[in-house]
């Protein structure tokens, strides 16, 4: 594994433990060259999943794209990165367990909102405002009322 700080590939694993509800292994590593520590995750490589967009276009599923959307919703909120990673893992499990190798974005969006609602009300409302294309204050009020029941 190349060190993200110095680029050398001389490291040692300090600690390994299950992560993401057992769907990954979290490894704490120390670079033998520069002495810095960093974390890596090992996951099972899955078969390719295609995402079906609203307009019918299809594109390969991207963990990075999904994580970026979730991180935008959680920006500057007091949510631990481990909780975000766990939520992402639960969403991915649903994506990969879907009955087809094509998953509509509508379904993925609902799964994301379900997880964000558990993480933080503001994150949920931020994501919902983009996903559901809020047009006015009434839409925000309705979304806030939805979070009160959870």
C-alpha atoms as a PDB file:
ATOM      1  CA  UNK A   1       0.000   0.000   0.000  1.00  0.00           C
ATOM      2  CA  UNK A   2       1.445   3.397  -0.954  1.00  0.00           C
ATOM      3  CA  UNK A   3       1.635   5.989   1.794  1.00  0.00           C
ATOM      4  CA  UNK A   4      -0.689   8.911   0.948  1.00  0.00           C
ATOM      5  CA  UNK A   5       1.853  11.308   2.472  1.00  0.00           C
ATOM      6  CA  UNK A   6       5.235  10.294   1.036  1.00  0.00           C
ATOM      7  CA  UNK A   7       4.269   7.806  -1.695  1.00  0.00           C
ATOM      8  CA  UNK A   8       6.508   4.979  -0.494  1.00  0.00           C
ATOM      9  CA  UNK A   9       5.110   1.451  -0.326  1.00  0.00           C
ATOM     10  CA  UNK A  10       6.795   0.385   2.897  1.00  0.00           C
ATOM     11  CA  UNK A  11       4.174   0.202   5.649  1.00  0.00           C
ATOM     12  CA  UNK A  12       3.030  -2.067   8.423  1.00  0.00           C
ATOM     13  CA  UNK A  13      -0.452  -2.824   9.687  1.00  0.00           C
ATOM     14  CA  UNK A  14      -0.885  -1.683  13.284  1.00  0.00           C
ATOM     15  CA  UNK A  15      -4.516  -2.706  13.772  1.00  0.00           C
ATOM     16  CA  UNK A  16      -7.222  -4.559  11.817  1.00  0.00           C
ATOM     17  CA  UNK A  17     -10.868  -4.749  12.725  1.00  0.00           C
ATOM     18  CA  UNK A  18     -14.245  -5.313  11.065  1.00  0.00           C
ATOM     19  CA  UNK A  19     -15.989  -2.179   9.822  1.00  0.00           C
ATOM     20  CA  UNK A  20     -19.245  -1.225   8.134  1.00  0.00           C
ATOM     21  CA  UNK A  21     -21.270  -3.937   9.858  1.00  0.00           C
ATOM     22  CA  UNK A  22     -18.759  -6.608   8.823  1.00  0.00           C
ATOM     23  CA  UNK A  23     -18.726  -5.640   5.134  1.00  0.00           C
ATOM     24  CA  UNK A  24     -15.185  -4.276   5.246  1.00  0.00           C
ATOM     25  CA  UNK A  25     -11.968  -4.520   7.191  1.00  0.00           C
ATOM     26  CA  UNK A  26     -10.498  -1.314   8.581  1.00  0.00           C
ATOM     27  CA  UNK A  27      -6.708  -1.332   8.743  1.00  0.00           C
ATOM     28  CA  UNK A  28      -4.600   1.228  10.597  1.00  0.00           C
ATOM     29  CA  UNK A  29      -1.209   1.481   8.896  1.00  0.00           C
ATOM     30  CA  UNK A  30       2.078   3.168   9.672  1.00  0.00           C
ATOM     31  CA  UNK A  31       4.522   4.169   6.946  1.00  0.00           C
ATOM     32  CA  UNK A  32       7.994   2.865   7.753  1.00  0.00           C
ATOM     33  CA  UNK A  33       9.559   5.625   5.641  1.00  0.00           C
ATOM     34  CA  UNK A  34       7.934   8.784   7.058  1.00  0.00           C
ATOM     35  CA  UNK A  35       6.288   7.439  10.230  1.00  0.00           C
ATOM     36  CA  UNK A  36       2.823   8.855   9.435  1.00  0.00           C
ATOM     37  CA  UNK A  37      -0.305   6.795  10.084  1.00  0.00           C
ATOM     38  CA  UNK A  38      -3.325   6.336   7.849  1.00  0.00           C
ATOM     39  CA  UNK A  39      -6.414   4.152   7.524  1.00  0.00           C
ATOM     40  CA  UNK A  40      -7.411   1.847   4.673  1.00  0.00           C
ATOM     41  CA  UNK A  41     -10.567  -0.179   4.090  1.00  0.00           C
ATOM     42  CA  UNK A  42     -10.722  -3.539   2.370  1.00  0.00           C
ATOM     43  CA  UNK A  43     -14.040  -4.497   0.715  1.00  0.00           C
ATOM     44  CA  UNK A  44     -15.258  -7.326  -1.454  1.00  0.00           C
ATOM     45  CA  UNK A  45     -15.325  -6.305  -5.101  1.00  0.00           C
ATOM     46  CA  UNK A  46     -18.860  -6.650  -6.397  1.00  0.00           C
ATOM     47  CA  UNK A  47     -20.274  -7.178  -9.868  1.00  0.00           C
ATOM     48  CA  UNK A  48     -20.926  -3.973 -11.827  1.00  0.00           C
ATOM     49  CA  UNK A  49     -24.199  -2.258 -11.051  1.00  0.00           C
ATOM     50  CA  UNK A  50     -25.757   0.263 -13.412  1.00  0.00           C
ATOM     51  CA  UNK A  51     -27.727   3.258 -12.183  1.00  0.00           C
ATOM     52  CA  UNK A  52     -30.790   4.279 -14.201  1.00  0.00           C
ATOM     53  CA  UNK A  53     -31.168   8.073 -14.211  1.00  0.00           C
ATOM     54  CA  UNK A  54     -34.510   9.938 -14.318  1.00  0.00           C
ATOM     55  CA  UNK A  55     -34.118  10.549 -18.050  1.00  0.00           C
ATOM     56  CA  UNK A  56     -33.414   6.863 -18.761  1.00  0.00           C
ATOM     57  CA  UNK A  57     -29.648   7.202 -19.184  1.00  0.00           C
ATOM     58  CA  UNK A  58     -27.541   4.518 -17.550  1.00  0.00           C
ATOM     59  CA  UNK A  59     -24.179   4.874 -15.874  1.00  0.00           C
ATOM     60  CA  UNK A  60     -21.960   2.699 -13.715  1.00  0.00           C
ATOM     61  CA  UNK A  61     -22.583   2.890  -9.985  1.00  0.00           C
ATOM     62  CA  UNK A  62     -20.028   5.111  -8.250  1.00  0.00           C
ATOM     63  CA  UNK A  63     -19.383   4.812  -4.518  1.00  0.00           C
ATOM     64  CA  UNK A  64     -17.469   8.082  -4.711  1.00  0.00           C
ATOM     65  CA  UNK A  65     -20.424   9.924  -6.252  1.00  0.00           C
ATOM     66  CA  UNK A  66     -22.810   8.586  -3.604  1.00  0.00           C
ATOM     67  CA  UNK A  67     -20.391   9.496  -0.800  1.00  0.00           C
ATOM     68  CA  UNK A  68     -19.956  13.006  -2.228  1.00  0.00           C
ATOM     69  CA  UNK A  69     -23.725  13.582  -2.127  1.00  0.00           C
ATOM     70  CA  UNK A  70     -23.960  12.350   1.449  1.00  0.00           C
ATOM     71  CA  UNK A  71     -20.971  14.447   2.551  1.00  0.00           C
ATOM     72  CA  UNK A  72     -22.519  17.572   1.000  1.00  0.00           C
ATOM     73  CA  UNK A  73     -25.678  16.965   3.012  1.00  0.00           C
ATOM     74  CA  UNK A  74     -23.630  16.465   6.202  1.00  0.00           C
ATOM     75  CA  UNK A  75     -21.259  19.399   5.611  1.00  0.00           C
ATOM     76  CA  UNK A  76     -20.334  21.211   8.864  1.00  0.00           C
ATOM     77  CA  UNK A  77     -22.715  19.069  10.937  1.00  0.00           C
ATOM     78  CA  UNK A  78     -21.564  17.200  14.063  1.00  0.00           C
ATOM     79  CA  UNK A  79     -21.670  13.727  12.503  1.00  0.00           C
ATOM     80  CA  UNK A  80     -18.791  11.299  13.016  1.00  0.00           C
ATOM     81  CA  UNK A  81     -17.252   9.988   9.792  1.00  0.00           C
ATOM     82  CA  UNK A  82     -17.693   6.433  11.045  1.00  0.00           C
ATOM     83  CA  UNK A  83     -21.480   6.940  11.214  1.00  0.00           C
ATOM     84  CA  UNK A  84     -21.470   8.320   7.664  1.00  0.00           C
ATOM     85  CA  UNK A  85     -19.428   5.336   6.478  1.00  0.00           C
ATOM     86  CA  UNK A  86     -21.864   2.935   8.179  1.00  0.00           C
ATOM     87  CA  UNK A  87     -24.845   4.659   6.532  1.00  0.00           C
ATOM     88  CA  UNK A  88     -23.096   4.465   3.158  1.00  0.00           C
ATOM     89  CA  UNK A  89     -22.446   0.776   3.723  1.00  0.00           C
ATOM     90  CA  UNK A  90     -26.147   0.123   4.455  1.00  0.00           C
ATOM     91  CA  UNK A  91     -27.163   1.966   1.275  1.00  0.00           C
ATOM     92  CA  UNK A  92     -24.630   0.013  -0.770  1.00  0.00           C
ATOM     93  CA  UNK A  93     -25.873  -3.254   0.649  1.00  0.00           C
ATOM     94  CA  UNK A  94     -29.367  -2.377  -0.604  1.00  0.00           C
ATOM     95  CA  UNK A  95     -27.976  -1.402  -4.010  1.00  0.00           C
ATOM     96  CA  UNK A  96     -26.022  -4.643  -4.424  1.00  0.00           C
ATOM     97  CA  UNK A  97     -28.871  -6.771  -3.019  1.00  0.00           C
ATOM     98  CA  UNK A  98     -31.377  -5.228  -5.457  1.00  0.00           C
ATOM     99  CA  UNK A  99     -33.143  -7.849  -7.602  1.00  0.00           C
ATOM    100  CA  UNK A 100     -31.596  -6.433 -10.763  1.00  0.00           C
ATOM    101  CA  UNK A 101     -28.146  -5.217 -11.790  1.00  0.00           C
ATOM    102  CA  UNK A 102     -29.816  -1.904 -12.692  1.00  0.00           C
ATOM    103  CA  UNK A 103     -31.059   0.339  -9.868  1.00  0.00           C
ATOM    104  CA  UNK A 104     -33.152   3.471 -10.449  1.00  0.00           C
ATOM    105  CA  UNK A 105     -31.806   6.694  -8.914  1.00  0.00           C
ATOM    106  CA  UNK A 106     -35.286   7.219  -7.440  1.00  0.00           C
ATOM    107  CA  UNK A 107     -34.760   4.167  -5.239  1.00  0.00           C
ATOM    108  CA  UNK A 108     -31.200   5.107  -4.284  1.00  0.00           C
ATOM    109  CA  UNK A 109     -32.387   8.608  -3.351  1.00  0.00           C
ATOM    110  CA  UNK A 110     -35.056   7.172  -1.054  1.00  0.00           C
ATOM    111  CA  UNK A 111     -32.489   4.922   0.639  1.00  0.00           C
ATOM    112  CA  UNK A 112     -30.147   7.885   1.125  1.00  0.00           C
ATOM    113  CA  UNK A 113     -32.925   9.991   2.667  1.00  0.00           C
ATOM    114  CA  UNK A 114     -33.856   7.119   4.985  1.00  0.00           C
ATOM    115  CA  UNK A 115     -30.263   6.931   6.254  1.00  0.00           C
ATOM    116  CA  UNK A 116     -29.800  10.708   6.498  1.00  0.00           C
ATOM    117  CA  UNK A 117     -32.996  11.001   8.519  1.00  0.00           C
ATOM    118  CA  UNK A 118     -31.353   8.718  11.100  1.00  0.00           C
ATOM    119  CA  UNK A 119     -28.082  10.687  11.061  1.00  0.00           C
ATOM    120  CA  UNK A 120     -29.240  14.310  11.318  1.00  0.00           C
ATOM    121  CA  UNK A 121     -32.407  16.250  10.511  1.00  0.00           C
ATOM    122  CA  UNK A 122     -30.556  19.050   8.740  1.00  0.00           C
ATOM    123  CA  UNK A 123     -28.631  16.593   6.545  1.00  0.00           C
ATOM    124  CA  UNK A 124     -31.935  14.954   5.608  1.00  0.00           C
ATOM    125  CA  UNK A 125     -33.548  18.287   4.694  1.00  0.00           C
ATOM    126  CA  UNK A 126     -30.504  19.401   2.682  1.00  0.00           C
ATOM    127  CA  UNK A 127     -30.504  16.229   0.622  1.00  0.00           C
ATOM    128  CA  UNK A 128     -34.286  16.168   0.249  1.00  0.00           C
ATOM    129  CA  UNK A 129     -34.303  19.778  -0.988  1.00  0.00           C
ATOM    130  CA  UNK A 130     -32.098  18.833  -3.940  1.00  0.00           C
ATOM    131  CA  UNK A 131     -33.437  15.324  -4.516  1.00  0.00           C
ATOM    132  CA  UNK A 132     -37.102  16.362  -4.396  1.00  0.00           C
ATOM    133  CA  UNK A 133     -36.426  19.703  -6.101  1.00  0.00           C
ATOM    134  CA  UNK A 134     -38.005  21.945  -3.453  1.00  0.00           C
ATOM    135  CA  UNK A 135     -39.667  25.010  -4.979  1.00  0.00           C
ATOM    136  CA  UNK A 136     -40.519  27.032  -1.886  1.00  0.00           C
ATOM    137  CA  UNK A 137     -40.602  27.379   1.879  1.00  0.00           C
ATOM    138  CA  UNK A 138     -43.636  25.078   2.159  1.00  0.00           C
ATOM    139  CA  UNK A 139     -41.521  22.195   0.858  1.00  0.00           C
ATOM    140  CA  UNK A 140     -38.911  22.823   3.567  1.00  0.00           C
ATOM    141  CA  UNK A 141     -41.596  23.000   6.260  1.00  0.00           C
ATOM    142  CA  UNK A 142     -43.080  19.671   5.108  1.00  0.00           C
ATOM    143  CA  UNK A 143     -39.631  18.029   5.158  1.00  0.00           C
ATOM    144  CA  UNK A 144     -38.961  19.383   8.661  1.00  0.00           C
ATOM    145  CA  UNK A 145     -42.316  18.005   9.822  1.00  0.00           C
ATOM    146  CA  UNK A 146     -41.400  14.590   8.361  1.00  0.00           C
ATOM    147  CA  UNK A 147     -38.279  14.498  10.531  1.00  0.00           C
ATOM    148  CA  UNK A 148     -40.268  15.209  13.684  1.00  0.00           C
ATOM    149  CA  UNK A 149     -41.928  11.812  13.424  1.00  0.00           C
ATOM    150  CA  UNK A 150     -38.603   9.975  13.312  1.00  0.00           C
END
